[in-house]
Amino acid sequence: MTHLKKQLEAGEITLADITKKYVNELHANEIILLSYYIAAINIEATFADIDSNENGYQPFEGIVLTDTFESTEVEDTLDDSYFGTNDERLKRQQEVPITVIIGNPPYSMGQNDENQVNTSFTYPKLTRAIADSYVKLTESRRVVSVYDSYLKAFRWATDRLKGSGVISFITNSSFIDFRTMNGVRRSFEKEFNHIYILNLRGAIKERLGETAKREGQNVFNIMTGVAITVLVKDGTNDHDVHYSDIGDYLSRKEKFTFFREYEIHFTNKYAKS
């Protein structure tokens, strides 16, 4: 938000540009009711701060109470008689092109694969898409982990982009080096032109002694490794991978310091681009 204000003051963007994004081009999904309201309030408050009440209070109409994965499985979502314009918002979201998808998908290693169906949380279209890509390209016989929720998110987002666009997720890092995930890595290379991965380490689950210590502390205080991934599809014939490891034995504080220093470097480098 601070960076946006600086750009406004410098005349690099206009309030009209931000308002257009806020009103027409920004979308968000949330399935937990309380989280839905918190997200809406935070987005509205951020815009109001940038807008400085120039246009008066504007509610954020781009958020939908829905299961993101299920939203593209069926046409209808929650009943409008209880949730007002929720269905209308979802239909509007589905009709517009999406070029940037960001998020922190849930992790659930060991979740059902296509042979272990939980009728409460199955997504036939999404499951089939994973089978036709990540599973099809893997050399492993054990494919249960390929149906983890965060990989569902990668598959859903890839298909939702359709044409060119960017996906940026912070997720479980197991796709980086697990043998069972080689189909995921191959799919990324096949479907995207530019791949950027920052391995934040912190994977101490099932690791002992020096191996666990080398991973350093986890940025989320969990036992699974974490990575930031940016996938870019630009329609060219280029294909490249940029991988960076944050380093061994780092504390959580040291990792956060890295982020702050990198943000300053990134902002100074691209502020006028």
Protein backbone atom coordinates (compact mmCIF):
# COMPACT_ATOMS: atom_id res chain seq x y z
CA MET A 1 0.00 0.00 0.00
CA THR A 2 2.87 2.38 0.81
CA HIS A 3 4.36 1.66 -2.61
CA LEU A 4 1.03 2.47 -4.29
CA LYS A 5 0.83 5.78 -2.47
CA LYS A 6 4.35 6.67 -3.60
CA GLN A 7 3.40 5.85 -7.18
CA LEU A 8 0.30 8.02 -6.86
CA GLU A 9 2.34 10.93 -5.53
CA ALA A 10 4.90 10.49 -8.30
CA GLY A 11 2.19 10.44 -10.96
CA GLU A 12 3.16 6.96 -12.13
CA ILE A 13 -0.40 5.71 -11.66
CA THR A 14 -3.68 7.49 -11.09
CA LEU A 15 -6.46 7.01 -8.58
CA ALA A 16 -8.68 6.22 -11.57
CA ASP A 17 -6.39 3.28 -12.43
CA ILE A 18 -6.64 1.87 -8.90
CA THR A 19 -10.39 2.46 -8.75
CA LYS A 20 -10.86 0.58 -12.02
CA LYS A 21 -8.96 -2.38 -10.62
CA TYR A 22 -10.89 -2.30 -7.36
CA VAL A 23 -14.32 -2.06 -9.00
CA ASN A 24 -13.90 -4.26 -12.08
CA GLU A 25 -10.73 -6.35 -12.06
CA LEU A 26 -10.03 -7.51 -8.51
CA HIS A 27 -11.58 -10.82 -7.40
CA ALA A 28 -11.35 -12.88 -4.21
CA ASN A 29 -12.87 -16.14 -2.97
CA GLU A 30 -13.34 -17.37 0.60
CA ILE A 31 -15.35 -20.33 1.92
CA ILE A 32 -15.23 -19.57 5.69
CA LEU A 33 -17.89 -16.98 6.52
CA LEU A 34 -15.87 -15.12 9.17
CA SER A 35 -12.78 -15.05 6.95
CA TYR A 36 -14.97 -13.82 4.10
CA TYR A 37 -16.10 -10.80 6.11
CA ILE A 38 -12.59 -10.09 7.44
CA ALA A 39 -11.15 -10.21 3.91
CA ALA A 40 -13.86 -7.89 2.57
CA ILE A 41 -13.30 -5.39 5.39
CA ASN A 42 -9.52 -5.43 4.94
CA ILE A 43 -9.77 -4.87 1.18
CA GLU A 44 -12.31 -2.08 1.62
CA ALA A 45 -10.22 -0.39 4.33
CA THR A 46 -7.09 -0.54 2.17
CA PHE A 47 -8.88 1.04 -0.78
CA ALA A 48 -10.46 3.70 1.45
CA ASP A 49 -7.01 4.62 2.78
CA ILE A 50 -5.61 4.98 -0.74
CA ASP A 51 -8.73 6.80 -1.95
CA SER A 52 -8.70 9.18 1.05
CA ASN A 53 -12.52 9.24 0.86
CA GLU A 54 -12.37 11.10 -2.45
CA ASN A 55 -15.08 8.86 -3.90
CA GLY A 56 -16.79 8.08 -0.60
CA TYR A 57 -17.14 4.59 0.85
CA GLN A 58 -17.22 1.91 -1.85
CA PRO A 59 -18.04 -1.68 -0.84
CA PHE A 60 -15.91 -4.36 -2.46
CA GLU A 61 -18.14 -6.29 -4.85
CA GLY A 62 -15.47 -8.67 -6.11
CA ILE A 63 -15.43 -11.14 -3.21
CA VAL A 64 -17.41 -14.38 -3.41
CA LEU A 65 -18.37 -16.79 -0.63
CA THR A 66 -17.46 -20.03 -2.38
CA ASP A 67 -15.17 -23.04 -2.50
CA THR A 68 -12.74 -21.95 -5.23
CA PHE A 69 -12.23 -25.48 -6.52
CA GLU A 70 -15.95 -26.23 -6.58
CA SER A 71 -16.75 -22.88 -8.21
CA THR A 72 -15.69 -24.22 -11.61
CA GLU A 73 -17.21 -27.67 -11.10
CA VAL A 74 -20.84 -26.51 -10.99
CA GLU A 75 -22.73 -23.47 -12.23
CA ASP A 76 -24.56 -22.61 -9.00
CA THR A 77 -23.13 -21.66 -5.64
CA LEU A 78 -25.01 -20.63 -2.47
CA ASP A 79 -28.70 -19.71 -2.47
CA ASP A 80 -29.28 -16.04 -3.34
CA SER A 81 -32.24 -15.89 -0.97
CA TYR A 82 -29.76 -16.21 1.90
CA PHE A 83 -26.61 -14.70 0.42
CA GLY A 84 -27.92 -11.89 -1.76
CA THR A 85 -25.81 -11.28 -4.86
CA ASN A 86 -23.28 -14.04 -4.19
CA ASP A 87 -24.29 -16.13 -7.22
CA GLU A 88 -24.30 -13.05 -9.40
CA ARG A 89 -20.77 -12.18 -8.28
CA LEU A 90 -19.54 -15.71 -8.96
CA LYS A 91 -21.04 -15.77 -12.45
CA ARG A 92 -19.48 -12.39 -13.19
CA GLN A 93 -16.12 -13.67 -11.98
CA GLN A 94 -16.36 -16.77 -14.16
CA GLU A 95 -17.14 -14.73 -17.27
CA VAL A 96 -14.14 -12.39 -17.11
CA PRO A 97 -10.55 -13.22 -18.05
CA ILE A 98 -8.20 -13.71 -15.11
CA THR A 99 -4.53 -12.94 -15.74
CA VAL A 100 -3.03 -12.95 -12.22
CA ILE A 101 -3.80 -15.46 -9.45
CA ILE A 102 -2.14 -15.16 -6.04
CA GLY A 103 -2.69 -17.00 -2.79
CA ASN A 104 -1.54 -19.23 0.04
CA PRO A 105 -3.35 -22.51 -0.66
CA PRO A 106 -3.94 -25.02 2.17
CA TYR A 107 -1.63 -28.02 2.50
CA SER A 108 -3.05 -31.48 3.11
CA MET A 109 -0.51 -34.12 2.18
CA GLY A 110 -2.09 -37.53 1.84
CA GLN A 111 -5.50 -36.25 0.81
CA ASN A 112 -7.59 -38.57 -1.38
CA ASP A 113 -6.56 -39.45 -4.87
CA GLU A 114 -8.92 -40.59 -7.61
CA ASN A 115 -9.19 -44.05 -6.05
CA GLN A 116 -10.09 -42.78 -2.56
CA VAL A 117 -13.14 -40.61 -3.00
CA ASN A 118 -14.49 -38.54 -0.13
CA THR A 119 -17.90 -37.47 -1.40
CA SER A 120 -17.82 -34.28 0.69
CA PHE A 121 -14.68 -32.90 -0.96
CA THR A 122 -14.38 -34.28 -4.47
CA TYR A 123 -13.85 -32.22 -7.59
CA PRO A 124 -14.30 -34.48 -10.65
CA LYS A 125 -13.08 -31.96 -13.25
CA LEU A 126 -10.08 -30.91 -11.20
CA THR A 127 -9.18 -34.49 -10.30
CA ARG A 128 -9.32 -35.46 -13.96
CA ALA A 129 -7.12 -32.49 -14.91
CA ILE A 130 -4.49 -33.58 -12.35
CA ALA A 131 -4.62 -37.16 -13.64
CA ASP A 132 -4.09 -35.92 -17.20
CA SER A 133 -1.09 -33.76 -16.29
CA TYR A 134 0.78 -34.20 -13.00
CA VAL A 135 -0.01 -37.91 -12.64
CA LYS A 136 0.42 -38.72 -16.32
CA LEU A 137 3.93 -37.26 -16.37
CA THR A 138 5.16 -38.82 -13.12
CA GLU A 139 7.38 -41.89 -12.92
CA SER A 140 6.23 -42.77 -9.43
CA ARG A 141 3.62 -45.40 -8.67
CA ARG A 142 2.59 -43.61 -5.48
CA VAL A 143 0.53 -40.65 -6.64
CA VAL A 144 -1.58 -39.87 -3.57
CA SER A 145 0.56 -36.83 -2.66
CA VAL A 146 0.04 -35.34 -6.12
CA TYR A 147 -3.58 -34.69 -5.10
CA ASP A 148 -2.58 -32.48 -2.18
CA SER A 149 -4.72 -29.34 -1.86
CA TYR A 150 -1.89 -26.98 -2.76
CA LEU A 151 -1.27 -28.91 -5.99
CA LYS A 152 -5.00 -28.77 -6.70
CA ALA A 153 -4.59 -25.00 -6.40
CA PHE A 154 -1.73 -24.97 -8.92
CA ARG A 155 -3.77 -27.10 -11.36
CA TRP A 156 -6.94 -25.03 -10.90
CA ALA A 157 -5.08 -21.75 -11.36
CA THR A 158 -3.22 -22.99 -14.44
CA ASP A 159 -6.46 -23.99 -16.13
CA ARG A 160 -8.23 -20.80 -15.01
CA LEU A 161 -5.61 -18.60 -16.71
CA LYS A 162 -6.39 -20.16 -20.09
CA GLY A 163 -4.05 -17.82 -22.00
CA SER A 164 -1.14 -15.73 -20.76
CA GLY A 165 -0.85 -14.78 -17.11
CA VAL A 166 0.92 -15.15 -13.77
CA ILE A 167 0.43 -17.46 -10.80
CA SER A 168 2.12 -16.59 -7.50
CA PHE A 169 1.69 -18.94 -4.54
CA ILE A 170 3.38 -19.57 -1.22
CA THR A 171 3.02 -23.31 -0.61
CA ASN A 172 4.43 -26.55 0.66
CA SER A 173 7.86 -26.99 -0.94
CA SER A 174 7.66 -30.76 -1.46
CA PHE A 175 7.12 -30.36 -5.21
CA ILE A 176 10.71 -29.09 -5.53
CA ASP A 177 12.57 -32.33 -4.86
CA PHE A 178 10.19 -35.16 -3.95
CA ARG A 179 10.55 -38.01 -6.43
CA THR A 180 6.78 -38.48 -6.47
CA MET A 181 6.42 -34.89 -7.73
CA ASN A 182 8.48 -35.18 -10.91
CA GLY A 183 5.26 -35.05 -12.95
CA VAL A 184 4.40 -31.72 -11.33
CA ARG A 185 7.81 -30.29 -12.21
CA ARG A 186 7.52 -31.53 -15.79
CA SER A 187 4.07 -30.00 -16.13
CA PHE A 188 5.30 -26.64 -14.84
CA GLU A 189 8.12 -26.64 -17.39
CA LYS A 190 5.77 -27.67 -20.17
CA GLU A 191 2.94 -25.24 -19.38
CA PHE A 192 4.86 -22.11 -18.34
CA ASN A 193 7.54 -20.02 -19.99
CA HIS A 194 9.25 -18.67 -16.89
CA ILE A 195 9.42 -20.29 -13.46
CA TYR A 196 10.74 -18.52 -10.36
CA ILE A 197 11.11 -20.46 -7.10
CA LEU A 198 12.42 -19.31 -3.73
CA ASN A 199 12.89 -22.23 -1.36
CA LEU A 200 12.37 -20.97 2.20
CA ARG A 201 13.31 -24.35 3.67
CA GLY A 202 12.05 -25.24 7.16
CA ALA A 203 11.13 -28.84 6.29
CA ILE A 204 11.82 -30.66 9.56
CA LYS A 205 9.07 -33.28 9.41
CA GLU A 206 10.60 -36.76 9.40
CA ARG A 207 14.13 -35.25 9.44
CA LEU A 208 16.54 -35.70 12.31
CA GLY A 209 19.70 -34.18 13.72
CA GLU A 210 21.87 -32.05 11.49
CA THR A 211 19.60 -32.52 8.48
CA ALA A 212 16.70 -30.91 10.35
CA LYS A 213 18.89 -28.11 11.75
CA ARG A 214 20.15 -27.26 8.28
CA GLU A 215 16.57 -26.49 7.20
CA GLY A 216 16.41 -23.64 9.69
CA GLN A 217 13.25 -22.35 11.34
CA ASN A 218 10.01 -22.32 9.39
CA VAL A 219 8.52 -18.95 8.42
CA PHE A 220 5.05 -20.27 9.39
CA ASN A 221 6.14 -22.22 12.46
CA ILE A 222 5.07 -25.52 10.86
CA MET A 223 7.01 -28.68 10.11
CA THR A 224 6.60 -28.68 6.32
CA GLY A 225 8.95 -26.82 4.03
CA VAL A 226 7.71 -23.62 2.38
CA ALA A 227 8.38 -22.11 -1.03
CA ILE A 228 7.33 -19.03 -2.97
CA THR A 229 6.61 -19.82 -6.61
CA VAL A 230 5.89 -17.49 -9.53
CA LEU A 231 4.79 -19.11 -12.79
CA VAL A 232 4.63 -16.97 -15.92
CA LYS A 233 2.89 -17.87 -19.17
CA ASP A 234 3.58 -15.36 -21.96
CA GLY A 235 2.83 -17.29 -25.15
CA THR A 236 6.46 -17.38 -26.34
CA ASN A 237 8.62 -20.43 -26.99
CA ASP A 238 10.94 -19.58 -24.11
CA HIS A 239 11.20 -21.93 -21.13
CA ASP A 240 13.49 -21.17 -18.20
CA VAL A 241 13.68 -21.92 -14.49
CA HIS A 242 15.11 -19.57 -11.86
CA TYR A 243 15.67 -21.30 -8.53
CA SER A 244 17.00 -19.81 -5.30
CA ASP A 245 17.56 -21.42 -1.89
CA ILE A 246 17.37 -19.05 1.08
CA GLY A 247 20.23 -20.89 2.82
CA ASP A 248 21.13 -23.23 5.67
CA TYR A 249 20.61 -22.85 9.43
CA LEU A 250 18.64 -19.59 9.24
CA SER A 251 16.35 -18.48 12.02
CA ARG A 252 12.85 -17.19 11.32
CA LYS A 253 14.07 -13.67 12.09
CA GLU A 254 16.91 -13.98 9.57
CA LYS A 255 14.50 -15.16 6.91
CA PHE A 256 12.18 -12.21 7.55
CA THR A 257 15.18 -9.88 7.36
CA PHE A 258 15.92 -11.33 3.93
CA PHE A 259 12.38 -10.46 2.82
CA ARG A 260 12.68 -6.87 4.02
CA GLU A 261 16.02 -6.36 2.30
CA TYR A 262 14.77 -7.99 -0.89
CA GLU A 263 11.63 -5.82 -0.89
CA ILE A 264 13.76 -2.66 -0.69
CA HIS A 265 15.99 -3.91 -3.51
CA PHE A 266 13.01 -4.92 -5.66
CA THR A 267 11.16 -1.63 -5.07
CA ASN A 268 14.21 0.47 -5.93
CA LYS A 269 14.90 -1.56 -9.05
CA TYR A 270 11.38 -1.65 -10.48
CA ALA A 271 9.72 1.45 -9.02
CA LYS A 272 9.65 3.20 -12.39
CA SER A 273 9.19 0.16 -14.64
